All heavy atoms as atom14 arrays in JSON, in Angstrom:
{
  "sequence": "QYKEPLVHDMQGHARNADEAEDAVSAAFLTAFQKLANFRGQ",
  "atom14_mask": [
    [1, 1, 1, 1, 1, 1, 1, 1, 1, 0, 0, 0, 0, 0],
    [1, 1, 1, 1, 1, 1, 1, 1, 1, 1, 1, 1, 0, 0],
    [1, 1, 1, 1, 1, 1, 1, 1, 1, 0, 0, 0, 0, 0],
    [1, 1, 1, 1, 1, 1, 1, 1, 1, 0, 0, 0, 0, 0],
    [1, 1, 1, 1, 1, 1, 1, 0, 0, 0, 0, 0, 0, 0],
    [1, 1, 1, 1, 1, 1, 1, 1, 0, 0, 0, 0, 0, 0],
    [1, 1, 1, 1, 1, 1, 1, 0, 0, 0, 0, 0, 0, 0],
    [1, 1, 1, 1, 1, 1, 1, 1, 1, 1, 0, 0, 0, 0],
    [1, 1, 1, 1, 1, 1, 1, 1, 0, 0, 0, 0, 0, 0],
    [1, 1, 1, 1, 1, 1, 1, 1, 0, 0, 0, 0, 0, 0],
    [1, 1, 1, 1, 1, 1, 1, 1, 1, 0, 0, 0, 0, 0],
    [1, 1, 1, 1, 0, 0, 0, 0, 0, 0, 0, 0, 0, 0],
    [1, 1, 1, 1, 1, 1, 1, 1, 1, 1, 0, 0, 0, 0],
    [1, 1, 1, 1, 1, 0, 0, 0, 0, 0, 0, 0, 0, 0],
    [1, 1, 1, 1, 1, 1, 1, 1, 1, 1, 1, 0, 0, 0],
    [1, 1, 1, 1, 1, 1, 1, 1, 0, 0, 0, 0, 0, 0],
    [1, 1, 1, 1, 1, 0, 0, 0, 0, 0, 0, 0, 0, 0],
    [1, 1, 1, 1, 1, 1, 1, 1, 0, 0, 0, 0, 0, 0],
    [1, 1, 1, 1, 1, 1, 1, 1, 1, 0, 0, 0, 0, 0],
    [1, 1, 1, 1, 1, 0, 0, 0, 0, 0, 0, 0, 0, 0],
    [1, 1, 1, 1, 1, 1, 1, 1, 1, 0, 0, 0, 0, 0],
    [1, 1, 1, 1, 1, 1, 1, 1, 0, 0, 0, 0, 0, 0],
    [1, 1, 1, 1, 1, 0, 0, 0, 0, 0, 0, 0, 0, 0],
    [1, 1, 1, 1, 1, 1, 1, 0, 0, 0, 0, 0, 0, 0],
    [1, 1, 1, 1, 1, 1, 0, 0, 0, 0, 0, 0, 0, 0],
    [1, 1, 1, 1, 1, 0, 0, 0, 0, 0, 0, 0, 0, 0],
    [1, 1, 1, 1, 1, 0, 0, 0, 0, 0, 0, 0, 0, 0],
    [1, 1, 1, 1, 1, 1, 1, 1, 1, 1, 1, 0, 0, 0],
    [1, 1, 1, 1, 1, 1, 1, 1, 0, 0, 0, 0, 0, 0],
    [1, 1, 1, 1, 1, 1, 1, 0, 0, 0, 0, 0, 0, 0],
    [1, 1, 1, 1, 1, 0, 0, 0, 0, 0, 0, 0, 0, 0],
    [1, 1, 1, 1, 1, 1, 1, 1, 1, 1, 1, 0, 0, 0],
    [1, 1, 1, 1, 1, 1, 1, 1, 1, 0, 0, 0, 0, 0],
    [1, 1, 1, 1, 1, 1, 1, 1, 1, 0, 0, 0, 0, 0],
    [1, 1, 1, 1, 1, 1, 1, 1, 0, 0, 0, 0, 0, 0],
    [1, 1, 1, 1, 1, 0, 0, 0, 0, 0, 0, 0, 0, 0],
    [1, 1, 1, 1, 1, 1, 1, 1, 0, 0, 0, 0, 0, 0],
    [1, 1, 1, 1, 1, 1, 1, 1, 1, 1, 1, 0, 0, 0],
    [1, 1, 1, 1, 1, 1, 1, 1, 1, 1, 1, 0, 0, 0],
    [1, 1, 1, 1, 0, 0, 0, 0, 0, 0, 0, 0, 0, 0],
    [1, 1, 1, 1, 1, 1, 1, 1, 1, 0, 0, 0, 0, 0]
  ],
  "atom14_positions": [
    [[5.08, -9.85, -3.3], [5.27, -9.38, -4.67], [5.16, -7.87, -4.79], [5.9, -7.25, -5.56], [4.23, -10.05, -5.57], [4.43, -9.66, -7.05], [3.61, -10.53, -7.99], [2.73, -11.27, -7.56], [3.91, -10.44, -9.26], [0.0, 0.0, 0.0], [0.0, 0.0, 0.0], [0.0, 0.0, 0.0], [0.0, 0.0, 0.0], [0.0, 0.0, 0.0]],
    [[4.26, -7.26, -4.02], [3.95, -5.85, -4.29], [4.36, -4.86, -3.2], [4.31, -3.66, -3.45], [2.44, -5.72, -4.52], [1.96, -6.4, -5.77], [0.85, -7.24, -5.77], [2.65, -6.22, -6.98], [0.41, -7.85, -6.94], [2.22, -6.82, -8.15], [1.09, -7.64, -8.12], [0.68, -8.26, -9.27], [0.0, 0.0, 0.0], [0.0, 0.0, 0.0]],
    [[4.77, -5.34, -2.03], [5.06, -4.39, -0.96], [6.21, -3.46, -1.33], [6.1, -2.23, -1.21], [5.36, -5.11, 0.35], [5.65, -4.14, 1.49], [6.02, -4.84, 2.78], [6.37, -3.82, 3.85], [6.81, -4.47, 5.1], [0.0, 0.0, 0.0], [0.0, 0.0, 0.0], [0.0, 0.0, 0.0], [0.0, 0.0, 0.0], [0.0, 0.0, 0.0]],
    [[7.33, -4.01, -1.76], [8.51, -3.2, -2.04], [8.27, -2.16, -3.14], [8.56, -0.97, -2.94], [9.69, -4.09, -2.39], [11.0, -3.33, -2.53], [12.2, -4.27, -2.74], [12.11, -5.45, -2.35], [13.19, -3.78, -3.3], [0.0, 0.0, 0.0], [0.0, 0.0, 0.0], [0.0, 0.0, 0.0], [0.0, 0.0, 0.0], [0.0, 0.0, 0.0]],
    [[7.72, -2.56, -4.31], [7.47, -1.53, -5.34], [6.43, -0.5, -4.9], [6.5, 0.67, -5.3], [7.0, -2.33, -6.56], [6.59, -3.67, -6.04], [7.44, -3.93, -4.84], [0.0, 0.0, 0.0], [0.0, 0.0, 0.0], [0.0, 0.0, 0.0], [0.0, 0.0, 0.0], [0.0, 0.0, 0.0], [0.0, 0.0, 0.0], [0.0, 0.0, 0.0]],
    [[5.48, -0.94, -4.06], [4.45, 0.0, -3.58], [5.06, 1.03, -2.66], [4.74, 2.24, -2.76], [3.34, -0.77, -2.91], [2.0, -0.04, -2.71], [1.47, 0.47, -4.03], [0.99, -0.97, -2.05], [0.0, 0.0, 0.0], [0.0, 0.0, 0.0], [0.0, 0.0, 0.0], [0.0, 0.0, 0.0], [0.0, 0.0, 0.0], [0.0, 0.0, 0.0]],
    [[5.92, 0.58, -1.74], [6.59, 1.54, -0.85], [7.43, 2.52, -1.67], [7.45, 3.71, -1.39], [7.49, 0.77, 0.16], [8.4, 1.77, 0.92], [6.63, 0.01, 1.16], [0.0, 0.0, 0.0], [0.0, 0.0, 0.0], [0.0, 0.0, 0.0], [0.0, 0.0, 0.0], [0.0, 0.0, 0.0], [0.0, 0.0, 0.0], [0.0, 0.0, 0.0]],
    [[8.12, 2.0, -2.69], [8.94, 2.86, -3.54], [8.08, 3.94, -4.2], [8.44, 5.13, -4.23], [9.63, 2.02, -4.61], [10.47, 2.81, -5.55], [9.97, 3.34, -6.75], [11.79, 3.2, -5.51], [10.93, 4.0, -7.36], [12.04, 3.92, -6.64], [0.0, 0.0, 0.0], [0.0, 0.0, 0.0], [0.0, 0.0, 0.0], [0.0, 0.0, 0.0]],
    [[6.91, 3.55, -4.74], [6.05, 4.53, -5.4], [5.45, 5.51, -4.4], [5.29, 6.7, -4.73], [4.93, 3.79, -6.15], [5.42, 3.17, -7.44], [6.62, 3.27, -7.75], [4.61, 2.52, -8.14], [0.0, 0.0, 0.0], [0.0, 0.0, 0.0], [0.0, 0.0, 0.0], [0.0, 0.0, 0.0], [0.0, 0.0, 0.0], [0.0, 0.0, 0.0]],
    [[5.1, 5.05, -3.21], [4.47, 5.91, -2.22], [5.44, 6.97, -1.68], [5.02, 7.99, -1.16], [3.93, 5.07, -1.07], [2.6, 4.4, -1.36], [1.25, 5.56, -1.72], [1.15, 5.36, -3.51], [0.0, 0.0, 0.0], [0.0, 0.0, 0.0], [0.0, 0.0, 0.0], [0.0, 0.0, 0.0], [0.0, 0.0, 0.0], [0.0, 0.0, 0.0]],
    [[6.75, 6.71, -1.78], [7.71, 7.7, -1.28], [7.63, 9.0, -2.06], [8.02, 10.05, -1.57], [9.12, 7.11, -1.35], [9.38, 6.06, -0.27], [10.76, 5.45, -0.34], [11.54, 5.75, -1.24], [11.07, 4.59, 0.61], [0.0, 0.0, 0.0], [0.0, 0.0, 0.0], [0.0, 0.0, 0.0], [0.0, 0.0, 0.0], [0.0, 0.0, 0.0]],
    [[7.09, 8.93, -3.28], [6.89, 10.15, -4.05], [5.74, 10.99, -3.54], [5.59, 12.16, -3.9], [0.0, 0.0, 0.0], [0.0, 0.0, 0.0], [0.0, 0.0, 0.0], [0.0, 0.0, 0.0], [0.0, 0.0, 0.0], [0.0, 0.0, 0.0], [0.0, 0.0, 0.0], [0.0, 0.0, 0.0], [0.0, 0.0, 0.0], [0.0, 0.0, 0.0]],
    [[4.88, 10.4, -2.7], [3.72, 11.11, -2.17], [3.85, 11.38, -0.68], [3.07, 12.16, -0.11], [2.44, 10.3, -2.39], [2.2, 9.95, -3.82], [1.68, 10.84, -4.73], [2.43, 8.79, -4.5], [1.58, 10.24, -5.91], [2.03, 8.99, -5.8], [0.0, 0.0, 0.0], [0.0, 0.0, 0.0], [0.0, 0.0, 0.0], [0.0, 0.0, 0.0]],
    [[4.82, 10.74, -0.01], [4.96, 10.84, 1.44], [6.02, 11.87, 1.82], [6.82, 12.32, 1.0], [5.35, 9.49, 2.02], [0.0, 0.0, 0.0], [0.0, 0.0, 0.0], [0.0, 0.0, 0.0], [0.0, 0.0, 0.0], [0.0, 0.0, 0.0], [0.0, 0.0, 0.0], [0.0, 0.0, 0.0], [0.0, 0.0, 0.0], [0.0, 0.0, 0.0]],
    [[6.0, 12.25, 3.1], [6.97, 13.2, 3.6], [8.26, 12.53, 4.06], [9.29, 13.17, 4.21], [6.34, 14.0, 4.76], [5.27, 14.97, 4.29], [4.59, 15.67, 5.44], [3.8, 14.75, 6.24], [3.0, 15.14, 7.22], [2.93, 16.42, 7.55], [2.29, 14.27, 7.9], [0.0, 0.0, 0.0], [0.0, 0.0, 0.0], [0.0, 0.0, 0.0]],
    [[8.2, 11.23, 4.33], [9.39, 10.48, 4.72], [9.16, 9.0, 4.48], [8.04, 8.57, 4.15], [9.74, 10.74, 6.2], [8.57, 10.49, 7.12], [8.01, 9.38, 7.13], [8.19, 11.5, 7.89], [0.0, 0.0, 0.0], [0.0, 0.0, 0.0], [0.0, 0.0, 0.0], [0.0, 0.0, 0.0], [0.0, 0.0, 0.0], [0.0, 0.0, 0.0]],
    [[10.21, 8.21, 4.62], [10.13, 6.79, 4.32], [9.2, 6.05, 5.26], [8.46, 5.12, 4.86], [11.53, 6.15, 4.38], [0.0, 0.0, 0.0], [0.0, 0.0, 0.0], [0.0, 0.0, 0.0], [0.0, 0.0, 0.0], [0.0, 0.0, 0.0], [0.0, 0.0, 0.0], [0.0, 0.0, 0.0], [0.0, 0.0, 0.0], [0.0, 0.0, 0.0]],
    [[9.19, 6.45, 6.56], [8.31, 5.81, 7.52], [6.85, 6.02, 7.15], [6.02, 5.1, 7.26], [8.55, 6.34, 8.94], [9.79, 5.75, 9.58], [10.11, 4.59, 9.25], [10.43, 6.43, 10.39], [0.0, 0.0, 0.0], [0.0, 0.0, 0.0], [0.0, 0.0, 0.0], [0.0, 0.0, 0.0], [0.0, 0.0, 0.0], [0.0, 0.0, 0.0]],
    [[6.52, 7.22, 6.72], [5.16, 7.52, 6.32], [4.73, 6.67, 5.13], [3.61, 6.16, 5.09], [5.01, 9.01, 5.99], [3.59, 9.44, 5.73], [3.48, 10.92, 5.43], [3.86, 11.33, 4.33], [3.02, 11.66, 6.32], [0.0, 0.0, 0.0], [0.0, 0.0, 0.0], [0.0, 0.0, 0.0], [0.0, 0.0, 0.0], [0.0, 0.0, 0.0]],
    [[5.63, 6.5, 4.16], [5.33, 5.68, 2.98], [5.1, 4.23, 3.38], [4.14, 3.6, 2.94], [6.47, 5.78, 1.98], [0.0, 0.0, 0.0], [0.0, 0.0, 0.0], [0.0, 0.0, 0.0], [0.0, 0.0, 0.0], [0.0, 0.0, 0.0], [0.0, 0.0, 0.0], [0.0, 0.0, 0.0], [0.0, 0.0, 0.0], [0.0, 0.0, 0.0]],
    [[5.96, 3.71, 4.26], [5.83, 2.31, 4.68], [4.54, 2.1, 5.46], [3.86, 1.09, 5.27], [7.04, 1.9, 5.52], [7.0, 0.41, 5.91], [8.24, -0.02, 6.66], [9.29, 0.64, 6.52], [8.14, -1.01, 7.39], [0.0, 0.0, 0.0], [0.0, 0.0, 0.0], [0.0, 0.0, 0.0], [0.0, 0.0, 0.0], [0.0, 0.0, 0.0]],
    [[4.21, 3.05, 6.34], [2.99, 2.9, 7.12], [1.74, 3.0, 6.25], [0.74, 2.33, 6.47], [2.93, 3.94, 8.23], [3.93, 3.66, 9.34], [4.36, 2.49, 9.46], [4.29, 4.57, 10.09], [0.0, 0.0, 0.0], [0.0, 0.0, 0.0], [0.0, 0.0, 0.0], [0.0, 0.0, 0.0], [0.0, 0.0, 0.0], [0.0, 0.0, 0.0]],
    [[1.79, 3.86, 5.23], [0.66, 3.98, 4.32], [0.45, 2.67, 3.57], [-0.68, 2.2, 3.39], [0.89, 5.11, 3.32], [0.0, 0.0, 0.0], [0.0, 0.0, 0.0], [0.0, 0.0, 0.0], [0.0, 0.0, 0.0], [0.0, 0.0, 0.0], [0.0, 0.0, 0.0], [0.0, 0.0, 0.0], [0.0, 0.0, 0.0], [0.0, 0.0, 0.0]],
    [[1.55, 2.04, 3.14], [1.46, 0.79, 2.42], [0.95, -0.33, 3.33], [0.1, -1.13, 2.93], [2.82, 0.4, 1.81], [2.81, -1.02, 1.29], [3.18, 1.37, 0.71], [0.0, 0.0, 0.0], [0.0, 0.0, 0.0], [0.0, 0.0, 0.0], [0.0, 0.0, 0.0], [0.0, 0.0, 0.0], [0.0, 0.0, 0.0], [0.0, 0.0, 0.0]],
    [[1.44, -0.37, 4.56], [0.98, -1.38, 5.5], [-0.51, -1.24, 5.79], [-1.26, -2.22, 5.81], [1.76, -1.28, 6.8], [3.13, -1.55, 6.58], [0.0, 0.0, 0.0], [0.0, 0.0, 0.0], [0.0, 0.0, 0.0], [0.0, 0.0, 0.0], [0.0, 0.0, 0.0], [0.0, 0.0, 0.0], [0.0, 0.0, 0.0], [0.0, 0.0, 0.0]],
    [[-0.96, 0.01, 5.96], [-2.38, 0.25, 6.18], [-3.19, -0.14, 4.93], [-4.3, -0.66, 5.04], [-2.62, 1.72, 6.51], [0.0, 0.0, 0.0], [0.0, 0.0, 0.0], [0.0, 0.0, 0.0], [0.0, 0.0, 0.0], [0.0, 0.0, 0.0], [0.0, 0.0, 0.0], [0.0, 0.0, 0.0], [0.0, 0.0, 0.0], [0.0, 0.0, 0.0]],
    [[-2.61, 0.1, 3.75], [-3.31, -0.25, 2.5], [-3.47, -1.76, 2.38], [-4.53, -2.25, 1.94], [-2.53, 0.3, 1.31], [0.0, 0.0, 0.0], [0.0, 0.0, 0.0], [0.0, 0.0, 0.0], [0.0, 0.0, 0.0], [0.0, 0.0, 0.0], [0.0, 0.0, 0.0], [0.0, 0.0, 0.0], [0.0, 0.0, 0.0], [0.0, 0.0, 0.0]],
    [[-2.44, -2.52, 2.76], [-2.56, -3.99, 2.71], [-3.61, -4.47, 3.7], [-4.38, -5.41, 3.42], [-1.22, -4.66, 2.99], [-0.37, -4.86, 1.77], [0.77, -4.14, 1.56], [-0.77, -5.79, 0.81], [1.54, -4.33, 0.41], [-0.01, -5.97, -0.35], [1.16, -5.25, -0.53], [0.0, 0.0, 0.0], [0.0, 0.0, 0.0], [0.0, 0.0, 0.0]],
    [[-3.69, -3.86, 4.87], [-4.7, -4.23, 5.84], [-6.09, -3.94, 5.27], [-7.0, -4.77, 5.35], [-4.49, -3.47, 7.14], [-5.53, -3.71, 8.23], [-5.6, -5.18, 8.6], [-5.2, -2.87, 9.48], [0.0, 0.0, 0.0], [0.0, 0.0, 0.0], [0.0, 0.0, 0.0], [0.0, 0.0, 0.0], [0.0, 0.0, 0.0], [0.0, 0.0, 0.0]],
    [[-6.26, -2.75, 4.69], [-7.55, -2.4, 4.09], [-7.89, -3.35, 2.95], [-9.03, -3.78, 2.79], [-7.51, -0.94, 3.57], [-7.24, -0.07, 4.66], [-8.83, -0.55, 2.91], [0.0, 0.0, 0.0], [0.0, 0.0, 0.0], [0.0, 0.0, 0.0], [0.0, 0.0, 0.0], [0.0, 0.0, 0.0], [0.0, 0.0, 0.0], [0.0, 0.0, 0.0]],
    [[-6.87, -3.67, 2.13], [-7.1, -4.56, 0.99], [-7.55, -5.95, 1.48], [-8.44, -6.56, 0.89], [-5.83, -4.69, 0.16], [0.0, 0.0, 0.0], [0.0, 0.0, 0.0], [0.0, 0.0, 0.0], [0.0, 0.0, 0.0], [0.0, 0.0, 0.0], [0.0, 0.0, 0.0], [0.0, 0.0, 0.0], [0.0, 0.0, 0.0], [0.0, 0.0, 0.0]],
    [[-6.93, -6.43, 2.55], [-7.33, -7.74, 3.09], [-8.76, -7.7, 3.58], [-9.53, -8.64, 3.37], [-6.38, -8.13, 4.23], [-6.66, -9.5, 4.79], [-6.26, -10.63, 4.09], [-7.3, -9.65, 6.0], [-6.53, -11.91, 4.59], [-7.57, -10.92, 6.51], [-7.17, -12.04, 5.79], [0.0, 0.0, 0.0], [0.0, 0.0, 0.0], [0.0, 0.0, 0.0]],
    [[-9.14, -6.61, 4.23], [-10.5, -6.49, 4.75], [-11.55, -6.35, 3.62], [-12.7, -6.73, 3.79], [-10.59, -5.28, 5.69], [-9.78, -5.45, 6.97], [-9.67, -4.17, 7.76], [-9.8, -3.06, 7.22], [-9.4, -4.29, 9.05], [0.0, 0.0, 0.0], [0.0, 0.0, 0.0], [0.0, 0.0, 0.0], [0.0, 0.0, 0.0], [0.0, 0.0, 0.0]],
    [[-11.12, -5.82, 2.47], [-12.03, -5.61, 1.36], [-11.74, -6.5, 0.16], [-12.08, -6.19, -0.97], [-11.95, -4.13, 0.91], [-12.37, -3.13, 2.0], [-12.29, -1.7, 1.48], [-12.75, -0.72, 2.53], [-12.67, 0.71, 2.04], [0.0, 0.0, 0.0], [0.0, 0.0, 0.0], [0.0, 0.0, 0.0], [0.0, 0.0, 0.0], [0.0, 0.0, 0.0]],
    [[-11.12, -7.65, 0.44], [-10.64, -8.51, -0.63], [-11.75, -8.98, -1.55], [-11.54, -9.21, -2.74], [-9.9, -9.71, -0.03], [-8.86, -10.42, -0.9], [-7.85, -9.43, -1.47], [-8.16, -11.5, -0.09], [0.0, 0.0, 0.0], [0.0, 0.0, 0.0], [0.0, 0.0, 0.0], [0.0, 0.0, 0.0], [0.0, 0.0, 0.0], [0.0, 0.0, 0.0]],
    [[-12.95, -9.12, -1.02], [-14.07, -9.57, -1.84], [-14.4, -8.55, -2.93], [-15.06, -8.88, -3.93], [-15.31, -9.81, -0.97], [0.0, 0.0, 0.0], [0.0, 0.0, 0.0], [0.0, 0.0, 0.0], [0.0, 0.0, 0.0], [0.0, 0.0, 0.0], [0.0, 0.0, 0.0], [0.0, 0.0, 0.0], [0.0, 0.0, 0.0], [0.0, 0.0, 0.0]],
    [[-13.96, -7.3, -2.76], [-14.23, -6.26, -3.77], [-13.29, -6.32, -4.95], [-13.54, -5.67, -5.98], [-14.12, -4.87, -3.13], [-15.16, -4.63, -2.07], [-16.2, -5.3, -2.04], [-14.9, -3.71, -1.16], [0.0, 0.0, 0.0], [0.0, 0.0, 0.0], [0.0, 0.0, 0.0], [0.0, 0.0, 0.0], [0.0, 0.0, 0.0], [0.0, 0.0, 0.0]],
    [[-12.2, -7.08, -4.83], [-11.26, -7.18, -5.94], [-11.75, -8.24, -6.93], [-11.81, -9.42, -6.62], [-9.86, -7.57, -5.44], [-8.86, -7.78, -6.57], [-8.47, -6.7, -7.37], [-8.34, -9.03, -6.85], [-7.58, -6.88, -8.41], [-7.45, -9.21, -7.86], [-7.07, -8.15, -8.66], [0.0, 0.0, 0.0], [0.0, 0.0, 0.0], [0.0, 0.0, 0.0]],
    [[-12.12, -7.79, -8.11], [-12.71, -8.69, -9.13], [-11.92, -8.66, -10.44], [-12.4, -9.12, -11.46], [-14.17, -8.31, -9.37], [-15.0, -8.33, -8.09], [-16.46, -8.08, -8.36], [-17.19, -7.94, -7.13], [-17.63, -8.95, -6.36], [-17.34, -10.2, -6.74], [-18.3, -8.75, -5.25], [0.0, 0.0, 0.0], [0.0, 0.0, 0.0], [0.0, 0.0, 0.0]],
    [[-10.71, -8.12, -10.39], [-9.86, -8.18, -11.57], [-10.1, -7.12, -12.62], [-9.64, -7.24, -13.73], [0.0, 0.0, 0.0], [0.0, 0.0, 0.0], [0.0, 0.0, 0.0], [0.0, 0.0, 0.0], [0.0, 0.0, 0.0], [0.0, 0.0, 0.0], [0.0, 0.0, 0.0], [0.0, 0.0, 0.0], [0.0, 0.0, 0.0], [0.0, 0.0, 0.0]],
    [[-10.81, -6.04, -12.24], [-11.02, -4.95, -13.19], [-9.68, -4.31, -13.56], [-9.52, -3.74, -14.63], [-11.96, -3.88, -12.63], [-13.32, -4.39, -12.24], [-13.39, -4.76, -10.75], [-12.4, -5.22, -10.19], [-14.55, -4.58, -10.16], [0.0, 0.0, 0.0], [0.0, 0.0, 0.0], [0.0, 0.0, 0.0], [0.0, 0.0, 0.0], [0.0, 0.0, 0.0]]
  ]
}
């Protein structure tokens, strides 16, 4: 649901498309590791 729009938004902060995609992939990995911290705020 969220990977494609997230990559699109990150391209505004990245130097290239690969950097944006890798940042998003790392973010999903971090999110999975910290999933217990997501409480719907």
